[in-house]
Amino acid sequence: MFIKNNDVIDGINTYAIKNDIDVVAILPRNQTMRSEPTEGELTQMLILNSKVPILVLE
């Protein structure tokens, strides 16, 4: 699903609530092929600010 929103967290929350989503599943991954893995800031922010349960698959 593609959601156009400058605030990713708000976009996911808005979509989930609007569409009565029970759980959001995410598969975090590093965005670049040749760099060190990130600290998962977006994943952490989503978990801390989500209005619906988050399932993180690694």
PDB file of N, CA and C in Angstrom:
ATOM      1  N   MET A   1       0.840  -1.163   0.000  1.00  0.00           N
ATOM      2  CA  MET A   1       0.000   0.000   0.000  1.00  0.00           C
ATOM      3  C   MET A   1       0.888   1.229   0.000  1.00  0.00           C
ATOM      4  N   PHE A   2       0.559   2.208  -0.804  1.00  0.00           N
ATOM      5  CA  PHE A   2       1.292   3.472  -0.845  1.00  0.00           C
ATOM      6  C   PHE A   2       0.413   4.559  -0.243  1.00  0.00           C
ATOM      7  N   ILE A   3       0.949   5.249   0.767  1.00  0.00           N
ATOM      8  CA  ILE A   3       0.231   6.330   1.431  1.00  0.00           C
ATOM      9  C   ILE A   3       1.041   7.598   1.250  1.00  0.00           C
ATOM     10  N   LYS A   4       0.432   8.643   0.696  1.00  0.00           N
ATOM     11  CA  LYS A   4       1.145   9.904   0.511  1.00  0.00           C
ATOM     12  C   LYS A   4       0.908  10.798   1.719  1.00  0.00           C
ATOM     13  N   ASN A   5       1.960  10.971   2.527  1.00  0.00           N
ATOM     14  CA  ASN A   5       1.898  11.820   3.706  1.00  0.00           C
ATOM     15  C   ASN A   5       3.333  12.154   4.084  1.00  0.00           C
ATOM     16  N   ASN A   6       3.625  13.413   4.328  1.00  0.00           N
ATOM     17  CA  ASN A   6       4.981  13.809   4.699  1.00  0.00           C
ATOM     18  C   ASN A   6       5.395  13.243   6.053  1.00  0.00           C
ATOM     19  N   ASP A   7       4.442  12.990   6.934  1.00  0.00           N
ATOM     20  CA  ASP A   7       4.700  12.381   8.237  1.00  0.00           C
ATOM     21  C   ASP A   7       4.324  10.903   8.128  1.00  0.00           C
ATOM     22  N   VAL A   8       5.315  10.045   8.020  1.00  0.00           N
ATOM     23  CA  VAL A   8       5.091   8.615   7.787  1.00  0.00           C
ATOM     24  C   VAL A   8       4.259   7.999   8.904  1.00  0.00           C
ATOM     25  N   ILE A   9       4.606   8.308  10.148  1.00  0.00           N
ATOM     26  CA  ILE A   9       3.881   7.740  11.287  1.00  0.00           C
ATOM     27  C   ILE A   9       2.403   8.147  11.257  1.00  0.00           C
ATOM     28  N   ASP A  10       2.146   9.426  11.037  1.00  0.00           N
ATOM     29  CA  ASP A  10       0.763   9.915  10.958  1.00  0.00           C
ATOM     30  C   ASP A  10       0.032   9.274   9.788  1.00  0.00           C
ATOM     31  N   GLY A  11       0.706   9.114   8.660  1.00  0.00           N
ATOM     32  CA  GLY A  11       0.087   8.491   7.498  1.00  0.00           C
ATOM     33  C   GLY A  11      -0.338   7.061   7.761  1.00  0.00           C
ATOM     34  N   ILE A  12       0.525   6.307   8.417  1.00  0.00           N
ATOM     35  CA  ILE A  12       0.204   4.912   8.746  1.00  0.00           C
ATOM     36  C   ILE A  12      -0.941   4.855   9.749  1.00  0.00           C
ATOM     37  N   ASN A  13      -0.864   5.692  10.793  1.00  0.00           N
ATOM     38  CA  ASN A  13      -1.927   5.717  11.800  1.00  0.00           C
ATOM     39  C   ASN A  13      -3.268   6.107  11.197  1.00  0.00           C
ATOM     40  N   THR A  14      -3.268   7.144  10.384  1.00  0.00           N
ATOM     41  CA  THR A  14      -4.507   7.609   9.756  1.00  0.00           C
ATOM     42  C   THR A  14      -5.110   6.525   8.870  1.00  0.00           C
ATOM     43  N   TYR A  15      -4.272   5.892   8.053  1.00  0.00           N
ATOM     44  CA  TYR A  15      -4.755   4.830   7.167  1.00  0.00           C
ATOM     45  C   TYR A  15      -5.320   3.659   7.973  1.00  0.00           C
ATOM     46  N   ALA A  16      -4.595   3.243   9.011  1.00  0.00           N
ATOM     47  CA  ALA A  16      -5.027   2.099   9.818  1.00  0.00           C
ATOM     48  C   ALA A  16      -6.366   2.369  10.489  1.00  0.00           C
ATOM     49  N   ILE A  17      -6.520   3.565  11.044  1.00  0.00           N
ATOM     50  CA  ILE A  17      -7.775   3.901  11.720  1.00  0.00           C
ATOM     51  C   ILE A  17      -8.915   4.048  10.717  1.00  0.00           C
ATOM     52  N   LYS A  18      -8.665   4.755   9.621  1.00  0.00           N
ATOM     53  CA  LYS A  18      -9.691   4.981   8.598  1.00  0.00           C
ATOM     54  C   LYS A  18     -10.198   3.670   8.001  1.00  0.00           C
ATOM     55  N   ASN A  19      -9.305   2.695   7.858  1.00  0.00           N
ATOM     56  CA  ASN A  19      -9.678   1.430   7.223  1.00  0.00           C
ATOM     57  C   ASN A  19      -9.905   0.298   8.224  1.00  0.00           C
ATOM     58  N   ASP A  20     -10.025   0.646   9.507  1.00  0.00           N
ATOM     59  CA  ASP A  20     -10.316  -0.327  10.564  1.00  0.00           C
ATOM     60  C   ASP A  20      -9.334  -1.510  10.537  1.00  0.00           C
ATOM     61  N   ILE A  21      -8.050  -1.198  10.449  1.00  0.00           N
ATOM     62  CA  ILE A  21      -6.986  -2.205  10.422  1.00  0.00           C
ATOM     63  C   ILE A  21      -6.744  -2.714  11.840  1.00  0.00           C
ATOM     64  N   ASP A  22      -6.639  -4.027  12.023  1.00  0.00           N
ATOM     65  CA  ASP A  22      -6.428  -4.625  13.345  1.00  0.00           C
ATOM     66  C   ASP A  22      -4.969  -4.611  13.774  1.00  0.00           C
ATOM     67  N   VAL A  23      -4.064  -4.818  12.825  1.00  0.00           N
ATOM     68  CA  VAL A  23      -2.633  -4.872  13.147  1.00  0.00           C
ATOM     69  C   VAL A  23      -1.841  -4.450  11.909  1.00  0.00           C
ATOM     70  N   VAL A  24      -0.732  -3.757  12.145  1.00  0.00           N
ATOM     71  CA  VAL A  24       0.171  -3.366  11.060  1.00  0.00           C
ATOM     72  C   VAL A  24       1.422  -4.222  11.179  1.00  0.00           C
ATOM     73  N   ALA A  25       1.761  -4.934  10.125  1.00  0.00           N
ATOM     74  CA  ALA A  25       2.973  -5.755  10.103  1.00  0.00           C
ATOM     75  C   ALA A  25       4.042  -5.025   9.299  1.00  0.00           C
ATOM     76  N   ILE A  26       5.252  -4.967   9.850  1.00  0.00           N
ATOM     77  CA  ILE A  26       6.354  -4.320   9.140  1.00  0.00           C
ATOM     78  C   ILE A  26       7.556  -5.247   9.119  1.00  0.00           C
ATOM     79  N   LEU A  27       8.327  -5.106   8.080  1.00  0.00           N
ATOM     80  CA  LEU A  27       9.566  -5.852   7.912  1.00  0.00           C
ATOM     81  C   LEU A  27      10.683  -4.833   7.776  1.00  0.00           C
ATOM     82  N   PRO A  28      11.277  -4.428   8.919  1.00  0.00           N
ATOM     83  CA  PRO A  28      12.310  -3.397   8.844  1.00  0.00           C
ATOM     84  C   PRO A  28      13.539  -3.912   8.106  1.00  0.00           C
ATOM     85  N   ARG A  29      14.151  -3.015   7.361  1.00  0.00           N
ATOM     86  CA  ARG A  29      15.376  -3.366   6.650  1.00  0.00           C
ATOM     87  C   ARG A  29      16.193  -2.107   6.458  1.00  0.00           C
ATOM     88  N   ASN A  30      17.469  -2.304   6.230  1.00  0.00           N
ATOM     89  CA  ASN A  30      18.346  -1.172   5.968  1.00  0.00           C
ATOM     90  C   ASN A  30      18.020  -0.629   4.583  1.00  0.00           C
ATOM     91  N   GLN A  31      17.995   0.685   4.438  1.00  0.00           N
ATOM     92  CA  GLN A  31      17.601   1.301   3.186  1.00  0.00           C
ATOM     93  C   GLN A  31      18.705   1.320   2.130  1.00  0.00           C
ATOM     94  N   THR A  32      19.940   1.111   2.527  1.00  0.00           N
ATOM     95  CA  THR A  32      21.025   1.121   1.553  1.00  0.00           C
ATOM     96  C   THR A  32      21.755  -0.209   1.578  1.00  0.00           C
ATOM     97  N   MET A  33      22.308  -0.568   0.459  1.00  0.00           N
ATOM     98  CA  MET A  33      22.970  -1.863   0.335  1.00  0.00           C
ATOM     99  C   MET A  33      24.379  -1.866   0.933  1.00  0.00           C
ATOM    100  N   ARG A  34      25.062  -0.727   0.923  1.00  0.00           N
ATOM    101  CA  ARG A  34      26.473  -0.714   1.299  1.00  0.00           C
ATOM    102  C   ARG A  34      26.772   0.049   2.580  1.00  0.00           C
ATOM    103  N   SER A  35      25.835   0.129   3.475  1.00  0.00           N
ATOM    104  CA  SER A  35      26.097   0.841   4.726  1.00  0.00           C
ATOM    105  C   SER A  35      25.746  -0.053   5.906  1.00  0.00           C
ATOM    106  N   GLU A  36      26.109   0.435   7.079  1.00  0.00           N
ATOM    107  CA  GLU A  36      25.799  -0.294   8.303  1.00  0.00           C
ATOM    108  C   GLU A  36      24.291  -0.233   8.566  1.00  0.00           C
ATOM    109  N   PRO A  37      23.735  -1.254   9.194  1.00  0.00           N
ATOM    110  CA  PRO A  37      22.313  -1.206   9.543  1.00  0.00           C
ATOM    111  C   PRO A  37      22.014  -0.011  10.449  1.00  0.00           C
ATOM    112  N   THR A  38      20.844   0.569  10.280  1.00  0.00           N
ATOM    113  CA  THR A  38      20.451   1.713  11.088  1.00  0.00           C
ATOM    114  C   THR A  38      19.961   1.238  12.449  1.00  0.00           C
ATOM    115  N   GLU A  39      19.720   2.177  13.328  1.00  0.00           N
ATOM    116  CA  GLU A  39      19.218   1.870  14.666  1.00  0.00           C
ATOM    117  C   GLU A  39      17.729   1.566  14.659  1.00  0.00           C
ATOM    118  N   GLY A  40      17.085   1.658  13.525  1.00  0.00           N
ATOM    119  CA  GLY A  40      15.656   1.363  13.448  1.00  0.00           C
ATOM    120  C   GLY A  40      14.806   2.479  14.016  1.00  0.00           C
ATOM    121  N   GLU A  41      15.205   3.728  13.760  1.00  0.00           N
ATOM    122  CA  GLU A  41      14.484   4.874  14.325  1.00  0.00           C
ATOM    123  C   GLU A  41      13.029   4.928  13.868  1.00  0.00           C
ATOM    124  N   LEU A  42      12.784   4.693  12.596  1.00  0.00           N
ATOM    125  CA  LEU A  42      11.404   4.736  12.107  1.00  0.00           C
ATOM    126  C   LEU A  42      10.577   3.623  12.755  1.00  0.00           C
ATOM    127  N   THR A  43      11.142   2.441  12.860  1.00  0.00           N
ATOM    128  CA  THR A  43      10.439   1.330  13.501  1.00  0.00           C
ATOM    129  C   THR A  43      10.129   1.662  14.954  1.00  0.00           C
ATOM    130  N   GLN A  44      11.106   2.203  15.672  1.00  0.00           N
ATOM    131  CA  GLN A  44      10.889   2.565  17.072  1.00  0.00           C
ATOM    132  C   GLN A  44       9.810   3.629  17.213  1.00  0.00           C
ATOM    133  N   MET A  45       9.850   4.657  16.362  1.00  0.00           N
ATOM    134  CA  MET A  45       8.854   5.710  16.430  1.00  0.00           C
ATOM    135  C   MET A  45       7.459   5.172  16.119  1.00  0.00           C
ATOM    136  N   LEU A  46       7.369   4.270  15.168  1.00  0.00           N
ATOM    137  CA  LEU A  46       6.075   3.679  14.830  1.00  0.00           C
ATOM    138  C   LEU A  46       5.542   2.868  16.002  1.00  0.00           C
ATOM    139  N   ILE A  47       6.391   2.082  16.624  1.00  0.00           N
ATOM    140  CA  ILE A  47       5.969   1.268  17.768  1.00  0.00           C
ATOM    141  C   ILE A  47       5.498   2.159  18.919  1.00  0.00           C
ATOM    142  N   LEU A  48       6.236   3.219  19.187  1.00  0.00           N
ATOM    143  CA  LEU A  48       5.905   4.092  20.313  1.00  0.00           C
ATOM    144  C   LEU A  48       4.678   4.965  20.066  1.00  0.00           C
ATOM    145  N   ASN A  49       4.372   5.272  18.806  1.00  0.00           N
ATOM    146  CA  ASN A  49       3.302   6.214  18.495  1.00  0.00           C
ATOM    147  C   ASN A  49       2.127   5.616  17.735  1.00  0.00           C
ATOM    148  N   SER A  50       2.103   4.308  17.580  1.00  0.00           N
ATOM    149  CA  SER A  50       1.046   3.683  16.797  1.00  0.00           C
ATOM    150  C   SER A  50      -0.270   3.643  17.552  1.00  0.00           C
ATOM    151  N   LYS A  51      -1.339   3.810  16.807  1.00  0.00           N
ATOM    152  CA  LYS A  51      -2.695   3.717  17.373  1.00  0.00           C
ATOM    153  C   LYS A  51      -3.239   2.293  17.271  1.00  0.00           C
ATOM    154  N   VAL A  52      -2.528   1.431  16.535  1.00  0.00           N
ATOM    155  CA  VAL A  52      -2.916   0.021  16.403  1.00  0.00           C
ATOM    156  C   VAL A  52      -1.701  -0.840  16.728  1.00  0.00           C
ATOM    157  N   PRO A  53      -1.906  -2.104  17.068  1.00  0.00           N
ATOM    158  CA  PRO A  53      -0.770  -2.981  17.370  1.00  0.00           C
ATOM    159  C   PRO A  53       0.164  -3.120  16.148  1.00  0.00           C
ATOM    160  N   ILE A  54       1.448  -3.256  16.431  1.00  0.00           N
ATOM    161  CA  ILE A  54       2.473  -3.410  15.396  1.00  0.00           C
ATOM    162  C   ILE A  54       3.114  -4.783  15.544  1.00  0.00           C
ATOM    163  N   LEU A  55       3.224  -5.499  14.442  1.00  0.00           N
ATOM    164  CA  LEU A  55       3.938  -6.772  14.390  1.00  0.00           C
ATOM    165  C   LEU A  55       5.203  -6.538  13.599  1.00  0.00           C
ATOM    166  N   VAL A  56       6.356  -6.716  14.234  1.00  0.00           N
ATOM    167  CA  VAL A  56       7.633  -6.499  13.567  1.00  0.00           C
ATOM    168  C   VAL A  56       8.241  -7.862  13.232  1.00  0.00           C
ATOM    169  N   LEU A  57       8.472  -8.100  11.950  1.00  0.00           N
ATOM    170  CA  LEU A  57       9.070  -9.349  11.475  1.00  0.00           C
ATOM    171  C   LEU A  57      10.533  -9.095  11.107  1.00  0.00           C
ATOM    172  N   GLU A  58      11.406  -9.912  11.608  1.00  0.00           N
ATOM    173  CA  GLU A  58      12.823  -9.745  11.269  1.00  0.00           C
ATOM    174  C   GLU A  58      13.325 -10.931  10.504  1.00  0.00           C
TER     175      GLU A  58
END
